[in-house]
Each structure stands twice: as structure tokens, then as C-alpha cells.
Amino acid sequence: MKWKLTYRVLCDKNVPTRLKGKFYRVVVRPTMLYGAECWTVKKSHVQKMKVAEMRMLRWMCGHTRKDKIRNEVIREKVSVASVENKLREPMLRWFEYVQMRDINAPVRRCERLTMAGLRKGRGRPKKYWVEVIRHDILLLQLTKDMTFDRKGWRSRIRVEGDR
């Protein structure tokens, strides 16, 4: 709904695409990813976020899917990194904070490992935040010990592509 409020600026042909991309990175994407550090992200969530992002970027550039322009070309034109990669960044930043804090500190809901959801039942077992973090750490070839080097950790989890 907030996208509709920015529609006049982002879809105006007189505004340069780089400026539109900067506005998207500063205003729209942080709104989409608000609170993402605690999400247990599933593939379906990532797919929906990708579709929403590409629809917005295509509108900003004045293209439709019928134009058959690849997503990478549009992202390069607007200089925006993939929302999938940007979704990983706040979770890993929060994980760094969790690793650095005192052992006796209160635990936030997303960090709590409960066994309540593991009862026998129908369907797939519930996915937990820790599982998502483990997957991301393996994907980026990181270790838990790297969190103690704050600058090194931040530089490794930072997504390149946004200018």
C-alpha cells in the first residue's frame, strides 16, 4: 500500500533511474524488510519478495514482462542488489549480536529453541530461525567464531551490488 504513495515519484519518466534506485534502496526496501532479523524465511517467502521487488523495479524502469528484459539487466540499470541477498544481511547481523551478548542476557523470541513445535503431527516439521542461520552461514562459508571479529564479520555478510 505504501508503494502506491511513492508511485508518482518512482514511475515519473523525468526522474533519472539511478535516483529512483537510490530512493528504492533507502525507502521502499527497508520498509519491505522491517523486522527481517527474526523471520524464519521459507522459499515461498523469498519467492514472493522477489516477485514484488521485480514488479516494482519494472514499473520504475517503464518496462513490462512482455518486453522480455532479464531481471539482472533491470537490477543493473537501477543499481539494486537482490532482495534475497539483502534479506540475509539483517539476520546475520542479529546473529552476531546474539553471539556477542552475555550468557545471562534475556532471550528474544526468535532465538528461543522450543521443542513444542516438534510433536508428531501431519506435514513438514516447523522451520526455526537457527536453521535459517545455519543455512546462511554454510552458504557464505562462515563460522560462528568469525562473529568476534566485528569488522571482518560485517564485511563478509555485506551484500555488494547496491551503489
C-alpha atoms as a PDB file:
ATOM      1  CA  MET A   1       0.000   0.000   0.000  1.00  0.00           C
ATOM      2  CA  LYS A   2       2.881   2.380   0.741  1.00  0.00           C
ATOM      3  CA  TRP A   3       4.198   1.667  -2.757  1.00  0.00           C
ATOM      4  CA  LYS A   4       1.138   3.452  -4.148  1.00  0.00           C
ATOM      5  CA  LEU A   5       2.134   6.631  -2.274  1.00  0.00           C
ATOM      6  CA  THR A   6       5.571   6.675  -3.907  1.00  0.00           C
ATOM      7  CA  TYR A   7       4.249   5.652  -7.326  1.00  0.00           C
ATOM      8  CA  ARG A   8       4.169   9.210  -8.719  1.00  0.00           C
ATOM      9  CA  VAL A   9       7.853   9.792  -7.977  1.00  0.00           C
ATOM     10  CA  LEU A  10       9.214   6.363  -8.877  1.00  0.00           C
ATOM     11  CA  CYS A  11       7.297   5.990 -12.127  1.00  0.00           C
ATOM     12  CA  ASP A  12       7.880   9.532 -13.394  1.00  0.00           C
ATOM     13  CA  LYS A  13       9.826   9.478 -16.668  1.00  0.00           C
ATOM     14  CA  ASN A  14      11.565  12.773 -15.820  1.00  0.00           C
ATOM     15  CA  VAL A  15      13.317  11.291 -12.750  1.00  0.00           C
ATOM     16  CA  PRO A  16      16.649   9.516 -13.542  1.00  0.00           C
ATOM     17  CA  THR A  17      16.673   5.741 -12.958  1.00  0.00           C
ATOM     18  CA  ARG A  18      19.706   5.915 -10.640  1.00  0.00           C
ATOM     19  CA  LEU A  19      17.831   8.338  -8.385  1.00  0.00           C
ATOM     20  CA  LYS A  20      14.811   6.043  -8.448  1.00  0.00           C
ATOM     21  CA  GLY A  21      17.067   3.150  -7.458  1.00  0.00           C
ATOM     22  CA  LYS A  22      18.514   5.133  -4.578  1.00  0.00           C
ATOM     23  CA  PHE A  23      15.025   6.028  -3.378  1.00  0.00           C
ATOM     24  CA  TYR A  24      14.039   2.366  -3.619  1.00  0.00           C
ATOM     25  CA  ARG A  25      17.089   1.289  -1.570  1.00  0.00           C
ATOM     26  CA  VAL A  26      16.557   3.956   1.096  1.00  0.00           C
ATOM     27  CA  VAL A  27      12.764   3.953   1.474  1.00  0.00           C
ATOM     28  CA  VAL A  28      10.962   1.010  -0.126  1.00  0.00           C
ATOM     29  CA  ARG A  29      13.245  -1.953   0.591  1.00  0.00           C
ATOM     30  CA  PRO A  30      13.786  -1.167   4.308  1.00  0.00           C
ATOM     31  CA  THR A  31      10.017  -0.983   4.651  1.00  0.00           C
ATOM     32  CA  MET A  32       9.647  -4.400   2.991  1.00  0.00           C
ATOM     33  CA  LEU A  33      12.338  -5.956   5.186  1.00  0.00           C
ATOM     34  CA  TYR A  34      11.350  -4.372   8.502  1.00  0.00           C
ATOM     35  CA  GLY A  35      11.912  -6.901  11.306  1.00  0.00           C
ATOM     36  CA  ALA A  36      13.571  -9.407   8.970  1.00  0.00           C
ATOM     37  CA  GLU A  37      16.188 -10.406  11.525  1.00  0.00           C
ATOM     38  CA  CYS A  38      13.636 -12.625  13.277  1.00  0.00           C
ATOM     39  CA  TRP A  39      11.880 -14.150  10.285  1.00  0.00           C
ATOM     40  CA  THR A  40      12.114 -17.861   9.660  1.00  0.00           C
ATOM     41  CA  VAL A  41      12.338 -17.430   5.926  1.00  0.00           C
ATOM     42  CA  LYS A  42      10.918 -20.133   3.689  1.00  0.00           C
ATOM     43  CA  LYS A  43      11.439 -20.475  -0.051  1.00  0.00           C
ATOM     44  CA  SER A  44       7.875 -19.337  -0.687  1.00  0.00           C
ATOM     45  CA  HIS A  45       8.507 -16.114   1.278  1.00  0.00           C
ATOM     46  CA  VAL A  46      11.671 -15.414  -0.690  1.00  0.00           C
ATOM     47  CA  GLN A  47       9.870 -16.047  -3.977  1.00  0.00           C
ATOM     48  CA  LYS A  48       7.053 -13.638  -3.082  1.00  0.00           C
ATOM     49  CA  MET A  49       9.579 -10.971  -2.095  1.00  0.00           C
ATOM     50  CA  LYS A  50      11.463 -11.438  -5.392  1.00  0.00           C
ATOM     51  CA  VAL A  51       8.261 -11.115  -7.419  1.00  0.00           C
ATOM     52  CA  ALA A  52       7.178  -7.971  -5.558  1.00  0.00           C
ATOM     53  CA  GLU A  53      10.629  -6.420  -5.958  1.00  0.00           C
ATOM     54  CA  MET A  54      10.848  -7.120  -9.684  1.00  0.00           C
ATOM     55  CA  ARG A  55       7.356  -5.747 -10.288  1.00  0.00           C
ATOM     56  CA  MET A  56       8.363  -2.510  -8.589  1.00  0.00           C
ATOM     57  CA  LEU A  57      11.677  -2.274 -10.450  1.00  0.00           C
ATOM     58  CA  ARG A  58       9.985  -2.925 -13.798  1.00  0.00           C
ATOM     59  CA  TRP A  59       7.419  -0.213 -13.086  1.00  0.00           C
ATOM     60  CA  MET A  60      10.234   2.175 -12.170  1.00  0.00           C
ATOM     61  CA  CYS A  61      12.019   1.500 -15.460  1.00  0.00           C
ATOM     62  CA  GLY A  62       8.827   1.636 -17.512  1.00  0.00           C
ATOM     63  CA  HIS A  63       9.081  -1.976 -18.706  1.00  0.00           C
ATOM     64  CA  THR A  64       6.631  -4.857 -18.658  1.00  0.00           C
ATOM     65  CA  ARG A  65       7.242  -8.586 -18.727  1.00  0.00           C
ATOM     66  CA  LYS A  66       6.249  -8.561 -22.396  1.00  0.00           C
ATOM     67  CA  ASP A  67       9.427  -6.584 -23.130  1.00  0.00           C
ATOM     68  CA  LYS A  68      11.389  -9.731 -22.136  1.00  0.00           C
ATOM     69  CA  ILE A  69      14.177  -7.885 -20.346  1.00  0.00           C
ATOM     70  CA  ARG A  70      16.097 -10.049 -17.880  1.00  0.00           C
ATOM     71  CA  ASN A  71      15.917  -9.285 -14.161  1.00  0.00           C
ATOM     72  CA  GLU A  72      19.691  -8.843 -13.895  1.00  0.00           C
ATOM     73  CA  VAL A  73      19.621  -6.157 -16.588  1.00  0.00           C
ATOM     74  CA  ILE A  74      16.918  -4.228 -14.764  1.00  0.00           C
ATOM     75  CA  ARG A  75      18.724  -4.547 -11.420  1.00  0.00           C
ATOM     76  CA  GLU A  76      21.942  -3.309 -13.038  1.00  0.00           C
ATOM     77  CA  LYS A  77      20.108  -0.379 -14.645  1.00  0.00           C
ATOM     78  CA  VAL A  78      18.681   0.726 -11.284  1.00  0.00           C
ATOM     79  CA  SER A  79      21.814  -0.464  -9.363  1.00  0.00           C
ATOM     80  CA  VAL A  80      19.929  -2.557  -6.810  1.00  0.00           C
ATOM     81  CA  ALA A  81      21.039  -5.866  -5.257  1.00  0.00           C
ATOM     82  CA  SER A  82      18.690  -8.844  -4.990  1.00  0.00           C
ATOM     83  CA  VAL A  83      16.195  -8.766  -2.142  1.00  0.00           C
ATOM     84  CA  GLU A  84      17.088 -12.387  -1.369  1.00  0.00           C
ATOM     85  CA  ASN A  85      20.647 -11.386  -0.518  1.00  0.00           C
ATOM     86  CA  LYS A  86      19.555  -8.278   1.357  1.00  0.00           C
ATOM     87  CA  LEU A  87      17.162 -10.412   3.414  1.00  0.00           C
ATOM     88  CA  ARG A  88      20.097 -12.478   4.690  1.00  0.00           C
ATOM     89  CA  GLU A  89      22.083  -9.468   5.915  1.00  0.00           C
ATOM     90  CA  PRO A  90      19.940  -8.349   8.917  1.00  0.00           C
ATOM     91  CA  MET A  91      19.575 -11.932  10.155  1.00  0.00           C
ATOM     92  CA  LEU A  92      23.332 -12.420  10.202  1.00  0.00           C
ATOM     93  CA  ARG A  93      23.833  -9.033  11.884  1.00  0.00           C
ATOM     94  CA  TRP A  94      21.368 -10.079  14.598  1.00  0.00           C
ATOM     95  CA  PHE A  95      23.165 -13.440  14.911  1.00  0.00           C
ATOM     96  CA  GLU A  96      26.417 -11.533  15.524  1.00  0.00           C
ATOM     97  CA  TYR A  97      24.709  -9.631  18.339  1.00  0.00           C
ATOM     98  CA  VAL A  98      23.363 -12.885  19.814  1.00  0.00           C
ATOM     99  CA  GLN A  99      26.834 -14.453  19.813  1.00  0.00           C
ATOM    100  CA  MET A 100      28.429 -11.401  21.467  1.00  0.00           C
ATOM    101  CA  ARG A 101      25.941 -10.896  24.295  1.00  0.00           C
ATOM    102  CA  ASP A 102      26.238 -12.147  27.873  1.00  0.00           C
ATOM    103  CA  ILE A 103      25.088 -15.698  28.592  1.00  0.00           C
ATOM    104  CA  ASN A 104      22.636 -14.492  31.264  1.00  0.00           C
ATOM    105  CA  ALA A 105      21.001 -11.916  28.983  1.00  0.00           C
ATOM    106  CA  PRO A 106      17.272 -12.293  28.276  1.00  0.00           C
ATOM    107  CA  VAL A 107      16.428 -14.256  25.150  1.00  0.00           C
ATOM    108  CA  ARG A 108      14.371 -12.774  22.341  1.00  0.00           C
ATOM    109  CA  ARG A 109      11.514 -14.849  20.946  1.00  0.00           C
ATOM    110  CA  CYS A 110      13.202 -15.582  17.609  1.00  0.00           C
ATOM    111  CA  GLU A 111      16.274 -17.068  19.316  1.00  0.00           C
ATOM    112  CA  ARG A 112      14.385 -19.416  21.607  1.00  0.00           C
ATOM    113  CA  LEU A 113      14.573 -23.064  20.645  1.00  0.00           C
ATOM    114  CA  THR A 114      11.403 -24.731  21.781  1.00  0.00           C
ATOM    115  CA  MET A 115      10.506 -28.331  21.378  1.00  0.00           C
ATOM    116  CA  ALA A 116       6.766 -27.589  21.445  1.00  0.00           C
ATOM    117  CA  GLY A 117       6.559 -27.494  17.660  1.00  0.00           C
ATOM    118  CA  LEU A 118       8.309 -30.835  17.259  1.00  0.00           C
ATOM    119  CA  ARG A 119       5.410 -33.070  18.319  1.00  0.00           C
ATOM    120  CA  LYS A 120       4.369 -35.757  15.910  1.00  0.00           C
ATOM    121  CA  GLY A 121       1.834 -34.422  13.532  1.00  0.00           C
ATOM    122  CA  ARG A 122       0.944 -34.063   9.931  1.00  0.00           C
ATOM    123  CA  GLY A 123       3.044 -32.233   7.407  1.00  0.00           C
ATOM    124  CA  ARG A 124       6.547 -30.868   7.403  1.00  0.00           C
ATOM    125  CA  PRO A 125       8.255 -30.019  10.721  1.00  0.00           C
ATOM    126  CA  LYS A 126       8.387 -26.330  11.616  1.00  0.00           C
ATOM    127  CA  LYS A 127      11.382 -24.367  10.437  1.00  0.00           C
ATOM    128  CA  TYR A 128      13.301 -22.476  13.114  1.00  0.00           C
ATOM    129  CA  TRP A 129      15.357 -19.289  12.982  1.00  0.00           C
ATOM    130  CA  VAL A 130      18.508 -21.164  13.950  1.00  0.00           C
ATOM    131  CA  GLU A 131      18.121 -23.488  10.954  1.00  0.00           C
ATOM    132  CA  VAL A 132      17.906 -20.496   8.611  1.00  0.00           C
ATOM    133  CA  ILE A 133      21.053 -19.020  10.186  1.00  0.00           C
ATOM    134  CA  ARG A 134      22.933 -22.329   9.844  1.00  0.00           C
ATOM    135  CA  HIS A 135      21.996 -22.493   6.164  1.00  0.00           C
ATOM    136  CA  ASP A 136      23.137 -18.900   5.552  1.00  0.00           C
ATOM    137  CA  ILE A 137      26.421 -19.464   7.380  1.00  0.00           C
ATOM    138  CA  LEU A 138      27.138 -22.531   5.259  1.00  0.00           C
ATOM    139  CA  LEU A 139      26.165 -20.663   2.091  1.00  0.00           C
ATOM    140  CA  LEU A 140      28.570 -17.796   2.803  1.00  0.00           C
ATOM    141  CA  GLN A 141      31.284 -20.140   4.147  1.00  0.00           C
ATOM    142  CA  LEU A 142      31.395 -18.523   7.588  1.00  0.00           C
ATOM    143  CA  THR A 143      31.926 -19.901  11.094  1.00  0.00           C
ATOM    144  CA  LYS A 144      30.450 -18.864  14.437  1.00  0.00           C
ATOM    145  CA  ASP A 145      33.901 -17.826  15.677  1.00  0.00           C
ATOM    146  CA  MET A 146      34.109 -15.139  12.981  1.00  0.00           C
ATOM    147  CA  THR A 147      31.440 -13.116  14.823  1.00  0.00           C
ATOM    148  CA  PHE A 148      34.027 -11.986  17.384  1.00  0.00           C
ATOM    149  CA  ASP A 149      35.874 -10.040  14.665  1.00  0.00           C
ATOM    150  CA  ARG A 150      33.220  -7.394  14.182  1.00  0.00           C
ATOM    151  CA  LYS A 151      34.706  -5.617  11.150  1.00  0.00           C
ATOM    152  CA  GLY A 152      35.543  -8.856   9.384  1.00  0.00           C
ATOM    153  CA  TRP A 153      32.068 -10.302  10.003  1.00  0.00           C
ATOM    154  CA  ARG A 154      30.300  -7.181   8.751  1.00  0.00           C
ATOM    155  CA  SER A 155      32.439  -7.053   5.619  1.00  0.00           C
ATOM    156  CA  ARG A 156      31.737 -10.723   4.835  1.00  0.00           C
ATOM    157  CA  ILE A 157      27.947 -10.501   5.265  1.00  0.00           C
ATOM    158  CA  ARG A 158      27.587  -7.211   3.391  1.00  0.00           C
ATOM    159  CA  VAL A 159      25.878  -7.597   0.026  1.00  0.00           C
ATOM    160  CA  GLU A 160      27.622  -5.984  -2.918  1.00  0.00           C
ATOM    161  CA  GLY A 161      25.612  -4.582  -5.784  1.00  0.00           C
ATOM    162  CA  ASP A 162      23.991  -1.559  -4.155  1.00  0.00           C
ATOM    163  CA  ARG A 163      25.794   1.616  -5.155  1.00  0.00           C
END
